[in-house]
Amino acid sequence: MPITYIFSQVFAFLWFIFLVLSYFTKSITKIRILNFANAFCLLISLLLLNAHTGIGAVAIGMILPLILTHPYFSNNKNYTIVHIVLLLFSWLAMTVITVFTYVGWPSLLPCIAFLIHSYSLLQRRAIVYKYMQIPQCFLYFIYYVKISSIIAATAEFPILAMLLIGIFTDLKRNK
């Protein structure tokens, strides 16, 4: 087993830890910070696996939370206009990356998951963000199986479980 594969799985495990932490966080700002941390770990894992479309999706996915946590974007009076422009720009960038890295239908999975994810980051309520993570779990599970990332694929099941627990916890808190 190549050392790059082993390291890719270590970073996939770190990605899992940060992602699960985000599901138990109530603050959308903290979710965005944890999102950056988990995306960084996933980026390293995918780089080591040469998963090009996934790398593009994660790279753009790392930039978006950083932009959104900046006070200008999080407190902007023109919230909707600014966020729509950011969303459209990130979708355009992801489309371009997918076109240049396309190697078959599995290349579309991180693209579709990114479209959902980027939209979820623009939500003001953390619970909406969490609901939108559910379809991503299934898309990424299939993608990780196709690129042979065993840890990441296996992690999708507990991620989905933790996500659902986080959602139910939020629903109980809000009653």
N, C-alpha and C. Protein backbone atom coordinates (compact mmCIF):
# COMPACT_ATOMS: atom_id res chain seq x y z
N MET A 1 0.85 -1.18 0.00
CA MET A 1 0.00 0.00 0.00
C MET A 1 0.90 1.25 0.00
N PRO A 2 0.73 2.14 -0.97
CA PRO A 2 1.58 3.33 -1.04
C PRO A 2 1.39 4.25 0.17
N ILE A 3 2.47 4.91 0.56
CA ILE A 3 2.43 5.82 1.70
C ILE A 3 1.48 6.99 1.45
N THR A 4 1.35 7.42 0.19
CA THR A 4 0.42 8.52 -0.10
C THR A 4 -1.01 8.11 0.19
N TYR A 5 -1.34 6.85 -0.08
CA TYR A 5 -2.69 6.37 0.22
C TYR A 5 -2.94 6.37 1.72
N ILE A 6 -1.96 5.91 2.48
CA ILE A 6 -2.10 5.87 3.95
C ILE A 6 -2.31 7.29 4.49
N PHE A 7 -1.49 8.23 4.03
CA PHE A 7 -1.65 9.61 4.48
C PHE A 7 -2.99 10.20 4.03
N SER A 8 -3.45 9.81 2.85
CA SER A 8 -4.75 10.32 2.39
C SER A 8 -5.85 9.87 3.34
N GLN A 9 -5.73 8.66 3.87
CA GLN A 9 -6.74 8.15 4.77
C GLN A 9 -6.66 8.81 6.15
N VAL A 10 -5.45 9.17 6.58
CA VAL A 10 -5.29 9.91 7.84
C VAL A 10 -5.98 11.27 7.73
N PHE A 11 -5.76 11.96 6.62
CA PHE A 11 -6.41 13.26 6.43
C PHE A 11 -7.92 13.11 6.25
N ALA A 12 -8.36 12.01 5.67
CA ALA A 12 -9.80 11.76 5.56
C ALA A 12 -10.41 11.60 6.95
N PHE A 13 -9.68 10.97 7.85
CA PHE A 13 -10.18 10.81 9.22
C PHE A 13 -10.27 12.17 9.92
N LEU A 14 -9.26 13.01 9.76
CA LEU A 14 -9.30 14.36 10.35
C LEU A 14 -10.46 15.17 9.77
N TRP A 15 -10.69 15.02 8.47
CA TRP A 15 -11.84 15.67 7.82
C TRP A 15 -13.13 15.26 8.53
N PHE A 16 -13.24 13.97 8.79
CA PHE A 16 -14.43 13.42 9.45
C PHE A 16 -14.64 14.08 10.82
N ILE A 17 -13.59 14.20 11.61
CA ILE A 17 -13.69 14.77 12.96
C ILE A 17 -14.21 16.22 12.90
N PHE A 18 -13.59 17.04 12.05
CA PHE A 18 -14.01 18.45 11.95
C PHE A 18 -15.44 18.57 11.41
N LEU A 19 -15.79 17.72 10.49
CA LEU A 19 -17.14 17.78 9.91
C LEU A 19 -18.19 17.44 10.96
N VAL A 20 -17.96 16.39 11.72
CA VAL A 20 -18.91 15.99 12.76
C VAL A 20 -19.04 17.11 13.80
N LEU A 21 -17.93 17.74 14.17
CA LEU A 21 -18.00 18.86 15.12
C LEU A 21 -18.91 19.97 14.59
N SER A 22 -18.88 20.21 13.29
CA SER A 22 -19.72 21.27 12.73
C SER A 22 -21.21 20.96 12.86
N TYR A 23 -21.57 19.69 12.91
CA TYR A 23 -22.97 19.31 13.03
C TYR A 23 -23.54 19.56 14.41
N PHE A 24 -22.65 19.72 15.40
CA PHE A 24 -23.10 19.97 16.76
C PHE A 24 -22.89 21.42 17.18
N THR A 25 -22.61 22.26 16.21
CA THR A 25 -22.38 23.67 16.46
C THR A 25 -23.62 24.45 16.07
N LYS A 26 -24.04 25.35 16.92
CA LYS A 26 -25.26 26.11 16.65
C LYS A 26 -24.98 27.38 15.84
N SER A 27 -23.82 27.98 16.03
CA SER A 27 -23.47 29.23 15.37
C SER A 27 -23.05 29.00 13.92
N ILE A 28 -23.65 29.72 12.99
CA ILE A 28 -23.30 29.58 11.57
C ILE A 28 -21.87 30.04 11.34
N THR A 29 -21.38 31.02 12.11
CA THR A 29 -19.99 31.46 11.96
C THR A 29 -19.02 30.35 12.36
N LYS A 30 -19.29 29.67 13.48
CA LYS A 30 -18.44 28.56 13.90
C LYS A 30 -18.53 27.40 12.91
N ILE A 31 -19.70 27.19 12.35
CA ILE A 31 -19.87 26.14 11.34
C ILE A 31 -18.97 26.45 10.15
N ARG A 32 -18.94 27.71 9.73
CA ARG A 32 -18.10 28.09 8.59
C ARG A 32 -16.62 27.90 8.88
N ILE A 33 -16.19 28.17 10.11
CA ILE A 33 -14.79 27.99 10.49
C ILE A 33 -14.44 26.49 10.50
N LEU A 34 -15.30 25.68 11.10
CA LEU A 34 -15.08 24.24 11.10
C LEU A 34 -15.13 23.68 9.68
N ASN A 35 -15.97 24.28 8.84
CA ASN A 35 -16.07 23.87 7.46
C ASN A 35 -14.74 24.10 6.74
N PHE A 36 -14.08 25.21 7.04
CA PHE A 36 -12.77 25.47 6.44
C PHE A 36 -11.76 24.41 6.90
N ALA A 37 -11.76 24.09 8.18
CA ALA A 37 -10.82 23.11 8.73
C ALA A 37 -11.05 21.72 8.10
N ASN A 38 -12.31 21.31 8.00
CA ASN A 38 -12.55 19.99 7.43
C ASN A 38 -12.24 19.98 5.94
N ALA A 39 -12.51 21.09 5.26
CA ALA A 39 -12.21 21.17 3.83
C ALA A 39 -10.70 21.08 3.58
N PHE A 40 -9.91 21.71 4.45
CA PHE A 40 -8.46 21.65 4.30
C PHE A 40 -7.97 20.21 4.40
N CYS A 41 -8.46 19.48 5.38
CA CYS A 41 -8.06 18.08 5.55
C CYS A 41 -8.51 17.23 4.36
N LEU A 42 -9.71 17.48 3.90
CA LEU A 42 -10.21 16.73 2.75
C LEU A 42 -9.42 17.07 1.49
N LEU A 43 -9.04 18.33 1.33
CA LEU A 43 -8.24 18.75 0.17
C LEU A 43 -6.92 17.97 0.13
N ILE A 44 -6.25 17.87 1.27
CA ILE A 44 -4.99 17.13 1.32
C ILE A 44 -5.23 15.66 0.96
N SER A 45 -6.29 15.08 1.51
CA SER A 45 -6.62 13.68 1.22
C SER A 45 -6.85 13.47 -0.28
N LEU A 46 -7.64 14.35 -0.89
CA LEU A 46 -7.94 14.20 -2.32
C LEU A 46 -6.72 14.48 -3.19
N LEU A 47 -5.87 15.41 -2.76
CA LEU A 47 -4.62 15.66 -3.49
C LEU A 47 -3.77 14.39 -3.54
N LEU A 48 -3.70 13.71 -2.41
CA LEU A 48 -2.91 12.48 -2.33
C LEU A 48 -3.52 11.36 -3.17
N LEU A 49 -4.82 11.43 -3.45
CA LEU A 49 -5.50 10.42 -4.27
C LEU A 49 -5.63 10.83 -5.74
N ASN A 50 -5.17 12.03 -6.07
CA ASN A 50 -5.31 12.58 -7.43
C ASN A 50 -6.76 12.63 -7.91
N ALA A 51 -7.65 13.01 -7.02
CA ALA A 51 -9.08 13.12 -7.33
C ALA A 51 -9.36 14.57 -7.75
N HIS A 52 -9.13 14.87 -9.00
CA HIS A 52 -9.08 16.25 -9.50
C HIS A 52 -10.37 17.05 -9.34
N THR A 53 -11.51 16.51 -9.69
CA THR A 53 -12.75 17.27 -9.55
C THR A 53 -13.05 17.52 -8.08
N GLY A 54 -12.82 16.52 -7.26
CA GLY A 54 -13.00 16.69 -5.82
C GLY A 54 -12.09 17.77 -5.26
N ILE A 55 -10.85 17.82 -5.74
CA ILE A 55 -9.90 18.85 -5.32
C ILE A 55 -10.45 20.23 -5.64
N GLY A 56 -10.98 20.39 -6.86
CA GLY A 56 -11.55 21.68 -7.26
C GLY A 56 -12.73 22.08 -6.40
N ALA A 57 -13.61 21.13 -6.14
CA ALA A 57 -14.79 21.42 -5.33
C ALA A 57 -14.39 21.83 -3.92
N VAL A 58 -13.43 21.12 -3.36
CA VAL A 58 -13.01 21.43 -1.99
C VAL A 58 -12.25 22.75 -1.93
N ALA A 59 -11.41 23.01 -2.94
CA ALA A 59 -10.65 24.27 -2.96
C ALA A 59 -11.58 25.48 -2.98
N ILE A 60 -12.57 25.44 -3.83
CA ILE A 60 -13.54 26.54 -3.87
C ILE A 60 -14.35 26.55 -2.58
N GLY A 61 -14.67 25.36 -2.10
CA GLY A 61 -15.42 25.23 -0.85
C GLY A 61 -14.66 25.76 0.35
N MET A 62 -13.34 25.83 0.26
CA MET A 62 -12.53 26.40 1.36
C MET A 62 -12.57 27.93 1.32
N ILE A 63 -12.61 28.48 0.15
CA ILE A 63 -12.57 29.93 -0.01
C ILE A 63 -13.89 30.56 0.42
N LEU A 64 -15.00 29.94 0.05
CA LEU A 64 -16.31 30.51 0.33
C LEU A 64 -16.57 30.75 1.81
N PRO A 65 -16.32 29.80 2.72
CA PRO A 65 -16.56 30.09 4.14
C PRO A 65 -15.67 31.21 4.68
N LEU A 66 -14.44 31.29 4.16
CA LEU A 66 -13.56 32.39 4.59
C LEU A 66 -14.14 33.74 4.20
N ILE A 67 -14.64 33.81 2.99
CA ILE A 67 -15.25 35.06 2.52
C ILE A 67 -16.49 35.38 3.36
N LEU A 68 -17.31 34.38 3.60
CA LEU A 68 -18.57 34.61 4.31
C LEU A 68 -18.40 34.97 5.77
N THR A 69 -17.27 34.60 6.39
CA THR A 69 -17.06 34.96 7.79
C THR A 69 -16.46 36.36 7.93
N HIS A 70 -16.04 36.95 6.83
CA HIS A 70 -15.53 38.33 6.88
C HIS A 70 -16.69 39.25 7.26
N PRO A 71 -16.45 40.22 8.16
CA PRO A 71 -17.54 41.10 8.61
C PRO A 71 -18.29 41.81 7.48
N TYR A 72 -17.60 42.15 6.40
CA TYR A 72 -18.28 42.83 5.30
C TYR A 72 -19.40 41.97 4.74
N PHE A 73 -19.15 40.68 4.60
CA PHE A 73 -20.14 39.80 4.01
C PHE A 73 -21.17 39.31 5.02
N SER A 74 -20.76 39.13 6.25
CA SER A 74 -21.71 38.63 7.24
C SER A 74 -22.62 39.73 7.78
N ASN A 75 -22.22 41.00 7.68
CA ASN A 75 -23.03 42.11 8.21
C ASN A 75 -23.51 43.06 7.12
N ASN A 76 -23.35 42.68 5.89
CA ASN A 76 -23.67 43.56 4.77
C ASN A 76 -25.18 43.80 4.68
N LYS A 77 -25.54 45.08 4.47
CA LYS A 77 -26.97 45.42 4.33
C LYS A 77 -27.55 44.85 3.04
N ASN A 78 -26.71 44.70 2.04
CA ASN A 78 -27.14 44.11 0.77
C ASN A 78 -26.88 42.61 0.78
N TYR A 79 -27.22 41.97 1.88
CA TYR A 79 -26.93 40.55 2.10
C TYR A 79 -27.31 39.70 0.90
N THR A 80 -28.50 39.82 0.43
CA THR A 80 -28.98 38.96 -0.64
C THR A 80 -28.22 39.17 -1.93
N ILE A 81 -28.01 40.38 -2.35
CA ILE A 81 -27.32 40.66 -3.61
C ILE A 81 -25.88 40.18 -3.55
N VAL A 82 -25.18 40.51 -2.48
CA VAL A 82 -23.78 40.11 -2.34
C VAL A 82 -23.66 38.59 -2.34
N HIS A 83 -24.52 37.92 -1.62
CA HIS A 83 -24.44 36.47 -1.52
C HIS A 83 -24.84 35.77 -2.82
N ILE A 84 -25.77 36.33 -3.54
CA ILE A 84 -26.13 35.75 -4.84
C ILE A 84 -24.96 35.86 -5.80
N VAL A 85 -24.27 36.99 -5.80
CA VAL A 85 -23.10 37.16 -6.66
C VAL A 85 -22.01 36.15 -6.28
N LEU A 86 -21.75 35.99 -4.98
CA LEU A 86 -20.76 35.00 -4.53
C LEU A 86 -21.16 33.59 -4.94
N LEU A 87 -22.42 33.28 -4.78
CA LEU A 87 -22.92 31.96 -5.13
C LEU A 87 -22.74 31.70 -6.63
N LEU A 88 -23.15 32.64 -7.45
CA LEU A 88 -23.03 32.46 -8.90
C LEU A 88 -21.57 32.36 -9.34
N PHE A 89 -20.71 33.16 -8.74
CA PHE A 89 -19.29 33.09 -9.07
C PHE A 89 -18.70 31.73 -8.70
N SER A 90 -19.05 31.23 -7.51
CA SER A 90 -18.52 29.93 -7.09
C SER A 90 -19.08 28.80 -7.96
N TRP A 91 -20.33 28.91 -8.37
CA TRP A 91 -20.91 27.89 -9.25
C TRP A 91 -20.24 27.91 -10.62
N LEU A 92 -19.97 29.10 -11.12
CA LEU A 92 -19.27 29.22 -12.40
C LEU A 92 -17.88 28.59 -12.31
N ALA A 93 -17.16 28.91 -11.24
CA ALA A 93 -15.81 28.35 -11.05
C ALA A 93 -15.87 26.83 -10.97
N MET A 94 -16.85 26.29 -10.26
CA MET A 94 -16.97 24.83 -10.13
C MET A 94 -17.30 24.20 -11.47
N THR A 95 -18.13 24.85 -12.25
CA THR A 95 -18.48 24.33 -13.58
C THR A 95 -17.24 24.26 -14.47
N VAL A 96 -16.44 25.31 -14.45
CA VAL A 96 -15.21 25.34 -15.24
C VAL A 96 -14.26 24.22 -14.79
N ILE A 97 -14.10 24.06 -13.50
CA ILE A 97 -13.22 23.00 -12.98
C ILE A 97 -13.73 21.63 -13.41
N THR A 98 -15.03 21.43 -13.33
CA THR A 98 -15.60 20.13 -13.70
C THR A 98 -15.39 19.85 -15.19
N VAL A 99 -15.53 20.86 -16.03
CA VAL A 99 -15.32 20.67 -17.46
C VAL A 99 -13.88 20.22 -17.74
N PHE A 100 -12.92 20.82 -17.06
CA PHE A 100 -11.51 20.51 -17.31
C PHE A 100 -11.02 19.25 -16.61
N THR A 101 -11.74 18.77 -15.61
CA THR A 101 -11.30 17.57 -14.89
C THR A 101 -12.23 16.38 -15.11
N TYR A 102 -13.18 16.52 -15.99
CA TYR A 102 -14.19 15.48 -16.22
C TYR A 102 -13.54 14.19 -16.74
N VAL A 103 -13.79 13.09 -16.04
CA VAL A 103 -13.30 11.77 -16.48
C VAL A 103 -14.41 10.73 -16.40
N GLY A 104 -15.64 11.17 -16.48
CA GLY A 104 -16.77 10.26 -16.40
C GLY A 104 -17.76 10.74 -15.35
N TRP A 105 -18.87 10.04 -15.25
CA TRP A 105 -19.96 10.48 -14.37
C TRP A 105 -19.54 10.69 -12.91
N PRO A 106 -18.54 9.95 -12.36
CA PRO A 106 -18.17 10.25 -10.97
C PRO A 106 -17.66 11.68 -10.78
N SER A 107 -17.15 12.29 -11.84
CA SER A 107 -16.68 13.67 -11.75
C SER A 107 -17.82 14.64 -11.46
N LEU A 108 -19.02 14.26 -11.80
CA LEU A 108 -20.18 15.14 -11.57
C LEU A 108 -20.62 15.14 -10.10
N LEU A 109 -20.30 14.09 -9.38
CA LEU A 109 -20.78 13.98 -8.00
C LEU A 109 -20.25 15.09 -7.08
N PRO A 110 -18.93 15.37 -7.05
CA PRO A 110 -18.49 16.48 -6.20
C PRO A 110 -18.99 17.83 -6.70
N CYS A 111 -19.22 17.94 -8.00
CA CYS A 111 -19.75 19.19 -8.55
C CYS A 111 -21.16 19.43 -8.02
N ILE A 112 -22.01 18.44 -8.10
CA ILE A 112 -23.39 18.58 -7.61
C ILE A 112 -23.40 18.81 -6.10
N ALA A 113 -22.56 18.05 -5.38
CA ALA A 113 -22.48 18.23 -3.93
C ALA A 113 -21.99 19.64 -3.59
N PHE A 114 -21.06 20.16 -4.37
CA PHE A 114 -20.57 21.51 -4.14
C PHE A 114 -21.68 22.54 -4.34
N LEU A 115 -22.48 22.37 -5.38
CA LEU A 115 -23.57 23.31 -5.64
C LEU A 115 -24.51 23.37 -4.43
N ILE A 116 -24.82 22.21 -3.89
CA ILE A 116 -25.69 22.16 -2.70
C ILE A 116 -24.97 22.78 -1.50
N HIS A 117 -23.71 22.41 -1.33
CA HIS A 117 -22.94 22.88 -0.17
C HIS A 117 -22.77 24.40 -0.19
N SER A 118 -22.42 24.95 -1.34
CA SER A 118 -22.20 26.40 -1.40
C SER A 118 -23.49 27.15 -1.10
N TYR A 119 -24.62 26.64 -1.57
CA TYR A 119 -25.89 27.26 -1.26
C TYR A 119 -26.20 27.15 0.23
N SER A 120 -25.84 26.01 0.82
CA SER A 120 -26.12 25.81 2.25
C SER A 120 -25.33 26.78 3.13
N LEU A 121 -24.13 27.14 2.70
CA LEU A 121 -23.31 28.07 3.47
C LEU A 121 -23.89 29.48 3.49
N LEU A 122 -24.75 29.79 2.56
CA LEU A 122 -25.35 31.12 2.49
C LEU A 122 -26.60 31.24 3.35
N GLN A 123 -26.99 30.17 3.98
CA GLN A 123 -28.19 30.20 4.82
C GLN A 123 -27.89 30.92 6.13
N ARG A 124 -28.86 31.64 6.62
CA ARG A 124 -28.70 32.36 7.89
C ARG A 124 -28.93 31.45 9.09
N ARG A 125 -29.68 30.40 8.90
CA ARG A 125 -30.01 29.49 10.00
C ARG A 125 -29.19 28.21 9.89
N ALA A 126 -28.56 27.83 10.97
CA ALA A 126 -27.71 26.64 10.99
C ALA A 126 -28.50 25.37 10.66
N ILE A 127 -29.76 25.30 11.08
CA ILE A 127 -30.56 24.09 10.84
C ILE A 127 -30.77 23.86 9.35
N VAL A 128 -30.93 24.93 8.57
CA VAL A 128 -31.09 24.79 7.12
C VAL A 128 -29.81 24.24 6.51
N TYR A 129 -28.67 24.77 6.98
CA TYR A 129 -27.36 24.26 6.54
C TYR A 129 -27.29 22.75 6.78
N LYS A 130 -27.70 22.34 7.95
CA LYS A 130 -27.58 20.92 8.31
C LYS A 130 -28.49 20.04 7.45
N TYR A 131 -29.71 20.48 7.19
CA TYR A 131 -30.61 19.71 6.32
C TYR A 131 -30.01 19.52 4.94
N MET A 132 -29.35 20.55 4.45
CA MET A 132 -28.80 20.49 3.10
C MET A 132 -27.58 19.59 2.99
N GLN A 133 -27.04 19.16 4.12
CA GLN A 133 -25.89 18.26 4.11
C GLN A 133 -26.30 16.82 3.81
N ILE A 134 -27.57 16.49 4.01
CA ILE A 134 -28.02 15.10 3.84
C ILE A 134 -27.77 14.58 2.42
N PRO A 135 -28.22 15.28 1.37
CA PRO A 135 -27.94 14.74 0.03
C PRO A 135 -26.45 14.69 -0.29
N GLN A 136 -25.69 15.60 0.31
CA GLN A 136 -24.24 15.58 0.08
C GLN A 136 -23.61 14.29 0.59
N CYS A 137 -24.09 13.80 1.71
CA CYS A 137 -23.56 12.54 2.26
C CYS A 137 -23.65 11.42 1.23
N PHE A 138 -24.78 11.31 0.58
CA PHE A 138 -24.98 10.24 -0.39
C PHE A 138 -24.13 10.45 -1.65
N LEU A 139 -24.04 11.69 -2.12
CA LEU A 139 -23.23 11.99 -3.31
C LEU A 139 -21.76 11.70 -3.04
N TYR A 140 -21.27 12.16 -1.89
CA TYR A 140 -19.87 11.94 -1.58
C TYR A 140 -19.55 10.48 -1.27
N PHE A 141 -20.50 9.75 -0.68
CA PHE A 141 -20.27 8.33 -0.44
C PHE A 141 -19.96 7.63 -1.76
N ILE A 142 -20.78 7.86 -2.77
CA ILE A 142 -20.56 7.23 -4.08
C ILE A 142 -19.22 7.67 -4.67
N TYR A 143 -18.92 8.96 -4.56
CA TYR A 143 -17.66 9.49 -5.09
C TYR A 143 -16.46 8.84 -4.39
N TYR A 144 -16.49 8.75 -3.07
CA TYR A 144 -15.36 8.17 -2.34
C TYR A 144 -15.18 6.69 -2.67
N VAL A 145 -16.25 5.98 -2.90
CA VAL A 145 -16.15 4.58 -3.32
C VAL A 145 -15.46 4.53 -4.68
N LYS A 146 -15.84 5.41 -5.59
CA LYS A 146 -15.28 5.41 -6.94
C LYS A 146 -13.79 5.79 -6.96
N ILE A 147 -13.34 6.63 -6.01
CA ILE A 147 -11.92 7.02 -5.99
C ILE A 147 -11.13 6.18 -4.98
N SER A 148 -11.77 5.17 -4.40
CA SER A 148 -11.14 4.22 -3.47
C SER A 148 -10.66 4.84 -2.16
N SER A 149 -11.37 5.83 -1.66
CA SER A 149 -11.04 6.37 -0.34
C SER A 149 -11.91 5.66 0.69
N ILE A 150 -11.40 4.58 1.20
CA ILE A 150 -12.16 3.71 2.10
C ILE A 150 -12.59 4.44 3.37
N ILE A 151 -11.66 5.18 4.00
CA ILE A 151 -11.99 5.90 5.23
C ILE A 151 -13.09 6.93 4.98
N ALA A 152 -12.95 7.70 3.91
CA ALA A 152 -13.95 8.73 3.62
C ALA A 152 -15.30 8.11 3.30
N ALA A 153 -15.32 7.04 2.52
CA ALA A 153 -16.59 6.38 2.19
C ALA A 153 -17.25 5.81 3.43
N THR A 154 -16.46 5.15 4.25
CA THR A 154 -16.98 4.57 5.49
C THR A 154 -17.45 5.65 6.45
N ALA A 155 -16.75 6.78 6.46
CA ALA A 155 -17.11 7.88 7.36
C ALA A 155 -18.46 8.50 7.04
N GLU A 156 -18.93 8.35 5.82
CA GLU A 156 -20.21 8.97 5.45
C GLU A 156 -21.37 8.44 6.27
N PHE A 157 -21.32 7.19 6.72
CA PHE A 157 -22.42 6.63 7.52
C PHE A 157 -22.49 7.26 8.91
N PRO A 158 -21.37 7.30 9.65
CA PRO A 158 -21.46 8.01 10.94
C PRO A 158 -21.67 9.51 10.77
N ILE A 159 -21.18 10.06 9.66
CA ILE A 159 -21.43 11.49 9.41
C ILE A 159 -22.93 11.73 9.28
N LEU A 160 -23.60 10.88 8.52
CA LEU A 160 -25.04 11.02 8.37
C LEU A 160 -25.74 10.84 9.71
N ALA A 161 -25.29 9.88 10.50
CA ALA A 161 -25.89 9.67 11.83
C ALA A 161 -25.67 10.89 12.72
N MET A 162 -24.45 11.41 12.75
CA MET A 162 -24.16 12.59 13.58
C MET A 162 -24.92 13.81 13.09
N LEU A 163 -25.05 13.92 11.78
CA LEU A 163 -25.82 15.02 11.19
C LEU A 163 -27.27 14.96 11.67
N LEU A 164 -27.87 13.79 11.61
CA LEU A 164 -29.26 13.64 12.05
C LEU A 164 -29.40 13.91 13.54
N ILE A 165 -28.43 13.46 14.34
CA ILE A 165 -28.46 13.75 15.78
C ILE A 165 -28.36 15.25 16.00
N GLY A 166 -27.46 15.92 15.25
CA GLY A 166 -27.32 17.38 15.35
C GLY A 166 -28.61 18.10 14.98
N ILE A 167 -29.29 17.62 13.96
CA ILE A 167 -30.56 18.22 13.56
C ILE A 167 -31.61 18.05 14.65
N PHE A 168 -31.72 16.83 15.19
CA PHE A 168 -32.71 16.59 16.25
C PHE A 168 -32.39 17.38 17.51
N THR A 169 -31.09 17.54 17.81
CA THR A 169 -30.68 18.35 18.96
C THR A 169 -31.11 19.80 18.77
N ASP A 170 -30.89 20.33 17.57
CA ASP A 170 -31.32 21.70 17.27
C ASP A 170 -32.83 21.85 17.37
N LEU A 171 -33.56 20.85 16.88
CA LEU A 171 -35.02 20.92 16.93
C LEU A 171 -35.51 20.92 18.38
N LYS A 172 -34.85 20.13 19.24
CA LYS A 172 -35.22 20.10 20.66
C LYS A 172 -34.90 21.42 21.34
N ARG A 173 -33.74 22.01 21.00
CA ARG A 173 -33.34 23.31 21.59
C ARG A 173 -34.32 24.42 21.22
N ASN A 174 -34.86 24.34 20.02
CA ASN A 174 -35.73 25.41 19.52
C ASN A 174 -37.18 25.26 19.95
N LYS A 175 -37.53 24.20 20.66
CA LYS A 175 -38.92 24.01 21.10
C LYS A 175 -39.23 24.90 22.27
